[in-house]
Amino acid sequence: MTNEEFRGRLEVLGFNQSEFAQRMVELGDPRPFKAVLRRVNGYATGERKVPGELAVVLTLLAVLPGERGAPTGRGAGRPRTARPAEGR
């Protein structure tokens, strides 16, 4: 994933770089926010290569239904259950 693709994927997901870094911390990244933000900014500028795992996760989040990658509010933290196919 190029830095342009990374920035585009964040945009599709409704995040700016700071919001994405904050969300990573909220969802369990153990590093301090400033360290996460430095990495995210590095991916966005091309200073750092976007890790393959992050590229896959961002792609999945962009194609799967949901709110910005993870549920919030009531039920947050619980795994989503599969929705039955229509017509069944």
PDB file of N, CA and C in Angstrom:
ATOM      1  N   MET A   1       0.858  -1.168   0.000  1.00  0.00           N
ATOM      2  CA  MET A   1       0.000   0.000   0.000  1.00  0.00           C
ATOM      3  C   MET A   1       0.908   1.236   0.000  1.00  0.00           C
ATOM      4  N   THR A   2       0.656   2.136  -0.916  1.00  0.00           N
ATOM      5  CA  THR A   2       1.442   3.366  -0.974  1.00  0.00           C
ATOM      6  C   THR A   2       0.927   4.367   0.063  1.00  0.00           C
ATOM      7  N   ASN A   3       1.705   5.418   0.270  1.00  0.00           N
ATOM      8  CA  ASN A   3       1.252   6.442   1.219  1.00  0.00           C
ATOM      9  C   ASN A   3      -0.023   7.128   0.716  1.00  0.00           C
ATOM     10  N   GLU A   4      -0.158   7.277  -0.596  1.00  0.00           N
ATOM     11  CA  GLU A   4      -1.373   7.880  -1.141  1.00  0.00           C
ATOM     12  C   GLU A   4      -2.581   6.968  -0.896  1.00  0.00           C
ATOM     13  N   GLU A   5      -2.384   5.669  -1.087  1.00  0.00           N
ATOM     14  CA  GLU A   5      -3.460   4.706  -0.817  1.00  0.00           C
ATOM     15  C   GLU A   5      -3.818   4.705   0.668  1.00  0.00           C
ATOM     16  N   PHE A   6      -2.813   4.797   1.526  1.00  0.00           N
ATOM     17  CA  PHE A   6      -3.048   4.838   2.974  1.00  0.00           C
ATOM     18  C   PHE A   6      -3.918   6.043   3.330  1.00  0.00           C
ATOM     19  N   ARG A   7      -3.529   7.213   2.833  1.00  0.00           N
ATOM     20  CA  ARG A   7      -4.319   8.421   3.130  1.00  0.00           C
ATOM     21  C   ARG A   7      -5.734   8.294   2.573  1.00  0.00           C
ATOM     22  N   GLY A   8      -5.849   7.736   1.375  1.00  0.00           N
ATOM     23  CA  GLY A   8      -7.173   7.552   0.776  1.00  0.00           C
ATOM     24  C   GLY A   8      -8.039   6.603   1.571  1.00  0.00           C
ATOM     25  N   ARG A   9      -7.438   5.526   2.069  1.00  0.00           N
ATOM     26  CA  ARG A   9      -8.189   4.556   2.863  1.00  0.00           C
ATOM     27  C   ARG A   9      -8.679   5.202   4.153  1.00  0.00           C
ATOM     28  N   LEU A  10      -7.823   6.007   4.806  1.00  0.00           N
ATOM     29  CA  LEU A  10      -8.264   6.710   6.019  1.00  0.00           C
ATOM     30  C   LEU A  10      -9.447   7.621   5.695  1.00  0.00           C
ATOM     31  N   GLU A  11      -9.365   8.303   4.565  1.00  0.00           N
ATOM     32  CA  GLU A  11     -10.445   9.210   4.169  1.00  0.00           C
ATOM     33  C   GLU A  11     -11.752   8.445   3.950  1.00  0.00           C
ATOM     34  N   VAL A  12     -11.670   7.308   3.264  1.00  0.00           N
ATOM     35  CA  VAL A  12     -12.854   6.476   3.033  1.00  0.00           C
ATOM     36  C   VAL A  12     -13.473   6.047   4.362  1.00  0.00           C
ATOM     37  N   LEU A  13     -12.613   5.763   5.339  1.00  0.00           N
ATOM     38  CA  LEU A  13     -13.083   5.328   6.656  1.00  0.00           C
ATOM     39  C   LEU A  13     -13.526   6.488   7.541  1.00  0.00           C
ATOM     40  N   GLY A  14     -13.315   7.724   7.083  1.00  0.00           N
ATOM     41  CA  GLY A  14     -13.764   8.886   7.838  1.00  0.00           C
ATOM     42  C   GLY A  14     -12.799   9.350   8.908  1.00  0.00           C
ATOM     43  N   PHE A  15     -11.523   8.995   8.772  1.00  0.00           N
ATOM     44  CA  PHE A  15     -10.513   9.376   9.754  1.00  0.00           C
ATOM     45  C   PHE A  15      -9.535  10.382   9.176  1.00  0.00           C
ATOM     46  N   ASN A  16      -9.063  11.301  10.021  1.00  0.00           N
ATOM     47  CA  ASN A  16      -7.834  11.990   9.696  1.00  0.00           C
ATOM     48  C   ASN A  16      -6.731  11.226  10.432  1.00  0.00           C
ATOM     49  N   GLN A  17      -5.487  11.611  10.237  1.00  0.00           N
ATOM     50  CA  GLN A  17      -4.387  10.846  10.814  1.00  0.00           C
ATOM     51  C   GLN A  17      -4.440  10.813  12.338  1.00  0.00           C
ATOM     52  N   SER A  18      -4.749  11.938  12.947  1.00  0.00           N
ATOM     53  CA  SER A  18      -4.813  12.012  14.401  1.00  0.00           C
ATOM     54  C   SER A  18      -5.954  11.152  14.955  1.00  0.00           C
ATOM     55  N   GLU A  19      -7.105  11.208  14.303  1.00  0.00           N
ATOM     56  CA  GLU A  19      -8.246  10.406  14.747  1.00  0.00           C
ATOM     57  C   GLU A  19      -7.953   8.916  14.627  1.00  0.00           C
ATOM     58  N   PHE A  20      -7.276   8.538  13.551  1.00  0.00           N
ATOM     59  CA  PHE A  20      -6.935   7.127  13.371  1.00  0.00           C
ATOM     60  C   PHE A  20      -5.966   6.666  14.452  1.00  0.00           C
ATOM     61  N   ALA A  21      -4.969   7.487  14.743  1.00  0.00           N
ATOM     62  CA  ALA A  21      -4.010   7.140  15.799  1.00  0.00           C
ATOM     63  C   ALA A  21      -4.730   7.006  17.145  1.00  0.00           C
ATOM     64  N   GLN A  22      -5.636   7.926  17.429  1.00  0.00           N
ATOM     65  CA  GLN A  22      -6.386   7.866  18.685  1.00  0.00           C
ATOM     66  C   GLN A  22      -7.225   6.601  18.745  1.00  0.00           C
ATOM     67  N   ARG A  23      -7.841   6.240  17.625  1.00  0.00           N
ATOM     68  CA  ARG A  23      -8.673   5.029  17.600  1.00  0.00           C
ATOM     69  C   ARG A  23      -7.822   3.785  17.840  1.00  0.00           C
ATOM     70  N   MET A  24      -6.614   3.768  17.282  1.00  0.00           N
ATOM     71  CA  MET A  24      -5.714   2.639  17.508  1.00  0.00           C
ATOM     72  C   MET A  24      -5.406   2.481  18.990  1.00  0.00           C
ATOM     73  N   VAL A  25      -5.159   3.604  19.671  1.00  0.00           N
ATOM     74  CA  VAL A  25      -4.875   3.567  21.109  1.00  0.00           C
ATOM     75  C   VAL A  25      -6.114   3.091  21.864  1.00  0.00           C
ATOM     76  N   GLU A  26      -7.278   3.616  21.510  1.00  0.00           N
ATOM     77  CA  GLU A  26      -8.521   3.220  22.174  1.00  0.00           C
ATOM     78  C   GLU A  26      -8.800   1.732  22.022  1.00  0.00           C
ATOM     79  N   LEU A  27      -8.387   1.167  20.882  1.00  0.00           N
ATOM     80  CA  LEU A  27      -8.664  -0.245  20.614  1.00  0.00           C
ATOM     81  C   LEU A  27      -7.564  -1.177  21.076  1.00  0.00           C
ATOM     82  N   GLY A  28      -6.555  -0.635  21.790  1.00  0.00           N
ATOM     83  CA  GLY A  28      -5.601  -1.516  22.430  1.00  0.00           C
ATOM     84  C   GLY A  28      -4.145  -1.380  22.055  1.00  0.00           C
ATOM     85  N   ASP A  29      -3.787  -0.453  21.152  1.00  0.00           N
ATOM     86  CA  ASP A  29      -2.364  -0.273  20.863  1.00  0.00           C
ATOM     87  C   ASP A  29      -1.698   0.201  22.148  1.00  0.00           C
ATOM     88  N   PRO A  30      -0.689  -0.524  22.651  1.00  0.00           N
ATOM     89  CA  PRO A  30      -0.106  -0.200  23.951  1.00  0.00           C
ATOM     90  C   PRO A  30       0.845   0.992  23.938  1.00  0.00           C
ATOM     91  N   ARG A  31       1.194   1.472  22.758  1.00  0.00           N
ATOM     92  CA  ARG A  31       2.125   2.601  22.682  1.00  0.00           C
ATOM     93  C   ARG A  31       1.424   3.907  23.041  1.00  0.00           C
ATOM     94  N   PRO A  32       2.183   4.895  23.511  1.00  0.00           N
ATOM     95  CA  PRO A  32       1.586   6.208  23.777  1.00  0.00           C
ATOM     96  C   PRO A  32       1.030   6.814  22.493  1.00  0.00           C
ATOM     97  N   PHE A  33       0.009   7.637  22.633  1.00  0.00           N
ATOM     98  CA  PHE A  33      -0.633   8.266  21.487  1.00  0.00           C
ATOM     99  C   PHE A  33       0.386   8.957  20.579  1.00  0.00           C
ATOM    100  N   LYS A  34       1.306   9.719  21.141  1.00  0.00           N
ATOM    101  CA  LYS A  34       2.267  10.454  20.315  1.00  0.00           C
ATOM    102  C   LYS A  34       3.124   9.518  19.475  1.00  0.00           C
ATOM    103  N   ALA A  35       3.476   8.352  20.013  1.00  0.00           N
ATOM    104  CA  ALA A  35       4.264   7.377  19.256  1.00  0.00           C
ATOM    105  C   ALA A  35       3.440   6.796  18.105  1.00  0.00           C
ATOM    106  N   VAL A  36       2.186   6.495  18.372  1.00  0.00           N
ATOM    107  CA  VAL A  36       1.302   5.964  17.333  1.00  0.00           C
ATOM    108  C   VAL A  36       1.108   7.022  16.247  1.00  0.00           C
ATOM    109  N   LEU A  37       0.878   8.258  16.650  1.00  0.00           N
ATOM    110  CA  LEU A  37       0.672   9.339  15.691  1.00  0.00           C
ATOM    111  C   LEU A  37       1.901   9.538  14.805  1.00  0.00           C
ATOM    112  N   ARG A  38       3.103   9.441  15.394  1.00  0.00           N
ATOM    113  CA  ARG A  38       4.327   9.562  14.579  1.00  0.00           C
ATOM    114  C   ARG A  38       4.365   8.490  13.505  1.00  0.00           C
ATOM    115  N   ARG A  39       4.001   7.263  13.862  1.00  0.00           N
ATOM    116  CA  ARG A  39       3.978   6.162  12.887  1.00  0.00           C
ATOM    117  C   ARG A  39       2.938   6.427  11.795  1.00  0.00           C
ATOM    118  N   VAL A  40       1.739   6.789  12.210  1.00  0.00           N
ATOM    119  CA  VAL A  40       0.668   7.047  11.247  1.00  0.00           C
ATOM    120  C   VAL A  40       1.084   8.169  10.298  1.00  0.00           C
ATOM    121  N   ASN A  41       1.649   9.228  10.836  1.00  0.00           N
ATOM    122  CA  ASN A  41       2.114  10.331   9.986  1.00  0.00           C
ATOM    123  C   ASN A  41       3.208   9.856   9.038  1.00  0.00           C
ATOM    124  N   GLY A  42       4.085   8.981   9.506  1.00  0.00           N
ATOM    125  CA  GLY A  42       5.133   8.426   8.657  1.00  0.00           C
ATOM    126  C   GLY A  42       4.557   7.599   7.515  1.00  0.00           C
ATOM    127  N   TYR A  43       3.510   6.826   7.784  1.00  0.00           N
ATOM    128  CA  TYR A  43       2.856   6.054   6.727  1.00  0.00           C
ATOM    129  C   TYR A  43       2.214   7.000   5.710  1.00  0.00           C
ATOM    130  N   ALA A  44       1.601   8.066   6.203  1.00  0.00           N
ATOM    131  CA  ALA A  44       0.890   9.002   5.333  1.00  0.00           C
ATOM    132  C   ALA A  44       1.827   9.809   4.442  1.00  0.00           C
ATOM    133  N   THR A  45       3.023  10.102   4.929  1.00  0.00           N
ATOM    134  CA  THR A  45       3.965  10.909   4.147  1.00  0.00           C
ATOM    135  C   THR A  45       4.877  10.063   3.272  1.00  0.00           C
ATOM    136  N   GLY A  46       4.904   8.770   3.513  1.00  0.00           N
ATOM    137  CA  GLY A  46       5.799   7.898   2.772  1.00  0.00           C
ATOM    138  C   GLY A  46       7.148   7.729   3.442  1.00  0.00           C
ATOM    139  N   GLU A  47       7.338   8.362   4.595  1.00  0.00           N
ATOM    140  CA  GLU A  47       8.578   8.220   5.349  1.00  0.00           C
ATOM    141  C   GLU A  47       8.736   6.783   5.846  1.00  0.00           C
ATOM    142  N   ARG A  48       7.607   6.138   6.128  1.00  0.00           N
ATOM    143  CA  ARG A  48       7.599   4.742   6.573  1.00  0.00           C
ATOM    144  C   ARG A  48       6.730   3.934   5.627  1.00  0.00           C
ATOM    145  N   LYS A  49       7.114   2.686   5.430  1.00  0.00           N
ATOM    146  CA  LYS A  49       6.325   1.766   4.614  1.00  0.00           C
ATOM    147  C   LYS A  49       5.137   1.282   5.447  1.00  0.00           C
ATOM    148  N   VAL A  50       3.971   1.269   4.834  1.00  0.00           N
ATOM    149  CA  VAL A  50       2.779   0.779   5.520  1.00  0.00           C
ATOM    150  C   VAL A  50       2.929  -0.738   5.685  1.00  0.00           C
ATOM    151  N   PRO A  51       2.887  -1.236   6.940  1.00  0.00           N
ATOM    152  CA  PRO A  51       3.010  -2.687   7.150  1.00  0.00           C
ATOM    153  C   PRO A  51       1.892  -3.437   6.436  1.00  0.00           C
ATOM    154  N   GLY A  52       2.221  -4.603   5.926  1.00  0.00           N
ATOM    155  CA  GLY A  52       1.234  -5.409   5.211  1.00  0.00           C
ATOM    156  C   GLY A  52      -0.008  -5.700   6.025  1.00  0.00           C
ATOM    157  N   GLU A  53       0.180  -5.988   7.311  1.00  0.00           N
ATOM    158  CA  GLU A  53      -0.975  -6.291   8.168  1.00  0.00           C
ATOM    159  C   GLU A  53      -1.908  -5.090   8.272  1.00  0.00           C
ATOM    160  N   LEU A  54      -1.332  -3.902   8.385  1.00  0.00           N
ATOM    161  CA  LEU A  54      -2.155  -2.699   8.487  1.00  0.00           C
ATOM    162  C   LEU A  54      -2.890  -2.452   7.182  1.00  0.00           C
ATOM    163  N   ALA A  55      -2.225  -2.684   6.059  1.00  0.00           N
ATOM    164  CA  ALA A  55      -2.869  -2.519   4.754  1.00  0.00           C
ATOM    165  C   ALA A  55      -4.069  -3.454   4.628  1.00  0.00           C
ATOM    166  N   VAL A  56      -3.915  -4.700   5.068  1.00  0.00           N
ATOM    167  CA  VAL A  56      -5.009  -5.673   4.998  1.00  0.00           C
ATOM    168  C   VAL A  56      -6.165  -5.234   5.889  1.00  0.00           C
ATOM    169  N   VAL A  57      -5.870  -4.827   7.114  1.00  0.00           N
ATOM    170  CA  VAL A  57      -6.924  -4.406   8.046  1.00  0.00           C
ATOM    171  C   VAL A  57      -7.669  -3.186   7.500  1.00  0.00           C
ATOM    172  N   LEU A  58      -6.947  -2.207   6.980  1.00  0.00           N
ATOM    173  CA  LEU A  58      -7.605  -1.020   6.427  1.00  0.00           C
ATOM    174  C   LEU A  58      -8.483  -1.382   5.232  1.00  0.00           C
ATOM    175  N   THR A  59      -8.015  -2.307   4.417  1.00  0.00           N
ATOM    176  CA  THR A  59      -8.811  -2.748   3.274  1.00  0.00           C
ATOM    177  C   THR A  59     -10.082  -3.440   3.742  1.00  0.00           C
ATOM    178  N   LEU A  60      -9.961  -4.313   4.727  1.00  0.00           N
ATOM    179  CA  LEU A  60     -11.143  -4.993   5.264  1.00  0.00           C
ATOM    180  C   LEU A  60     -12.133  -3.998   5.860  1.00  0.00           C
ATOM    181  N   LEU A  61     -11.631  -3.043   6.616  1.00  0.00           N
ATOM    182  CA  LEU A  61     -12.522  -2.056   7.225  1.00  0.00           C
ATOM    183  C   LEU A  61     -13.241  -1.228   6.168  1.00  0.00           C
ATOM    184  N   ALA A  62     -12.572  -0.979   5.064  1.00  0.00           N
ATOM    185  CA  ALA A  62     -13.171  -0.172   4.006  1.00  0.00           C
ATOM    186  C   ALA A  62     -14.265  -0.929   3.255  1.00  0.00           C
ATOM    187  N   VAL A  63     -14.174  -2.253   3.204  1.00  0.00           N
ATOM    188  CA  VAL A  63     -15.154  -3.015   2.430  1.00  0.00           C
ATOM    189  C   VAL A  63     -16.243  -3.650   3.284  1.00  0.00           C
ATOM    190  N   LEU A  64     -16.015  -3.790   4.582  1.00  0.00           N
ATOM    191  CA  LEU A  64     -17.012  -4.392   5.460  1.00  0.00           C
ATOM    192  C   LEU A  64     -17.921  -3.321   6.036  1.00  0.00           C
ATOM    193  N   PRO A  65     -19.200  -3.649   6.255  1.00  0.00           N
ATOM    194  CA  PRO A  65     -20.095  -2.665   6.864  1.00  0.00           C
ATOM    195  C   PRO A  65     -19.707  -2.404   8.313  1.00  0.00           C
ATOM    196  N   GLY A  66     -20.013  -1.230   8.777  1.00  0.00           N
ATOM    197  CA  GLY A  66     -19.739  -0.889  10.168  1.00  0.00           C
ATOM    198  C   GLY A  66     -19.354   0.562  10.293  1.00  0.00           C
ATOM    199  N   GLU A  67     -19.153   0.977  11.515  1.00  0.00           N
ATOM    200  CA  GLU A  67     -18.808   2.362  11.798  1.00  0.00           C
ATOM    201  C   GLU A  67     -17.335   2.501  12.098  1.00  0.00           C
ATOM    202  N   ARG A  68     -16.589   3.035  11.180  1.00  0.00           N
ATOM    203  CA  ARG A  68     -15.197   3.385  11.382  1.00  0.00           C
ATOM    204  C   ARG A  68     -14.391   2.276  12.039  1.00  0.00           C
ATOM    205  N   GLY A  69     -14.693   1.062  11.695  1.00  0.00           N
ATOM    206  CA  GLY A  69     -13.844  -0.036  12.086  1.00  0.00           C
ATOM    207  C   GLY A  69     -14.200  -0.784  13.342  1.00  0.00           C
ATOM    208  N   ALA A  70     -14.982  -0.211  14.204  1.00  0.00           N
ATOM    209  CA  ALA A  70     -15.313  -0.928  15.432  1.00  0.00           C
ATOM    210  C   ALA A  70     -16.580  -0.336  16.022  1.00  0.00           C
ATOM    211  N   PRO A  71     -17.374  -1.175  16.660  1.00  0.00           N
ATOM    212  CA  PRO A  71     -18.587  -0.654  17.288  1.00  0.00           C
ATOM    213  C   PRO A  71     -18.248   0.235  18.475  1.00  0.00           C
ATOM    214  N   THR A  72     -19.086   1.218  18.706  1.00  0.00           N
ATOM    215  CA  THR A  72     -18.944   2.075  19.881  1.00  0.00           C
ATOM    216  C   THR A  72     -20.293   2.124  20.579  1.00  0.00           C
ATOM    217  N   GLY A  73     -20.312   2.606  21.787  1.00  0.00           N
ATOM    218  CA  GLY A  73     -21.567   2.708  22.512  1.00  0.00           C
ATOM    219  C   GLY A  73     -22.032   1.361  23.004  1.00  0.00           C
ATOM    220  N   ARG A  74     -23.357   1.180  23.031  1.00  0.00           N
ATOM    221  CA  ARG A  74     -23.927  -0.055  23.550  1.00  0.00           C
ATOM    222  C   ARG A  74     -23.418  -1.244  22.750  1.00  0.00           C
ATOM    223  N   GLY A  75     -22.894  -2.239  23.433  1.00  0.00           N
ATOM    224  CA  GLY A  75     -22.407  -3.432  22.776  1.00  0.00           C
ATOM    225  C   GLY A  75     -20.965  -3.347  22.326  1.00  0.00           C
ATOM    226  N   ALA A  76     -20.293  -2.211  22.565  1.00  0.00           N
ATOM    227  CA  ALA A  76     -18.900  -2.070  22.142  1.00  0.00           C
ATOM    228  C   ALA A  76     -18.051  -3.139  22.805  1.00  0.00           C
ATOM    229  N   GLY A  77     -17.132  -3.666  22.050  1.00  0.00           N
ATOM    230  CA  GLY A  77     -16.232  -4.675  22.585  1.00  0.00           C
ATOM    231  C   GLY A  77     -16.719  -6.092  22.411  1.00  0.00           C
ATOM    232  N   ARG A  78     -18.012  -6.248  22.114  1.00  0.00           N
ATOM    233  CA  ARG A  78     -18.524  -7.589  21.859  1.00  0.00           C
ATOM    234  C   ARG A  78     -18.357  -7.898  20.385  1.00  0.00           C
ATOM    235  N   PRO A  79     -18.030  -9.140  20.053  1.00  0.00           N
ATOM    236  CA  PRO A  79     -17.883  -9.471  18.635  1.00  0.00           C
ATOM    237  C   PRO A  79     -19.211  -9.355  17.914  1.00  0.00           C
ATOM    238  N   ARG A  80     -19.148  -8.928  16.664  1.00  0.00           N
ATOM    239  CA  ARG A  80     -20.362  -8.858  15.859  1.00  0.00           C
ATOM    240  C   ARG A  80     -20.777 -10.259  15.461  1.00  0.00           C
ATOM    241  N   THR A  81     -22.069 -10.467  15.351  1.00  0.00           N
ATOM    242  CA  THR A  81     -22.547 -11.759  14.888  1.00  0.00           C
ATOM    243  C   THR A  81     -22.890 -11.619  13.419  1.00  0.00           C
ATOM    244  N   ALA A  82     -22.794 -12.703  12.708  1.00  0.00           N
ATOM    245  CA  ALA A  82     -23.114 -12.684  11.282  1.00  0.00           C
ATOM    246  C   ALA A  82     -24.593 -12.424  11.109  1.00  0.00           C
ATOM    247  N   ARG A  83     -24.916 -11.628  10.122  1.00  0.00           N
ATOM    248  CA  ARG A  83     -26.311 -11.365   9.806  1.00  0.00           C
ATOM    249  C   ARG A  83     -26.818 -12.449   8.876  1.00  0.00           C
ATOM    250  N   PRO A  84     -28.032 -12.932   9.104  1.00  0.00           N
ATOM    251  CA  PRO A  84     -28.563 -13.950   8.189  1.00  0.00           C
ATOM    252  C   PRO A  84     -28.771 -13.342   6.806  1.00  0.00           C
ATOM    253  N   ALA A  85     -28.605 -14.164   5.804  1.00  0.00           N
ATOM    254  CA  ALA A  85     -28.832 -13.706   4.434  1.00  0.00           C
ATOM    255  C   ALA A  85     -30.307 -13.387   4.261  1.00  0.00           C
ATOM    256  N   GLU A  86     -30.595 -12.371   3.448  1.00  0.00           N
ATOM    257  CA  GLU A  86     -31.991 -12.002   3.225  1.00  0.00           C
ATOM    258  C   GLU A  86     -32.749 -13.133   2.536  1.00  0.00           C
ATOM    259  N   GLY A  87     -34.009 -13.246   2.876  1.00  0.00           N
ATOM    260  CA  GLY A  87     -34.828 -14.263   2.270  1.00  0.00           C
ATOM    261  C   GLY A  87     -34.787 -15.604   2.984  1.00  0.00           C
ATOM    262  N   ARG A  88     -34.083 -15.684   4.081  1.00  0.00           N
ATOM    263  CA  ARG A  88     -34.027 -16.952   4.819  1.00  0.00           C
ATOM    264  C   ARG A  88     -34.931 -16.910   5.997  1.00  0.00           C
TER     265      ARG A  88
END
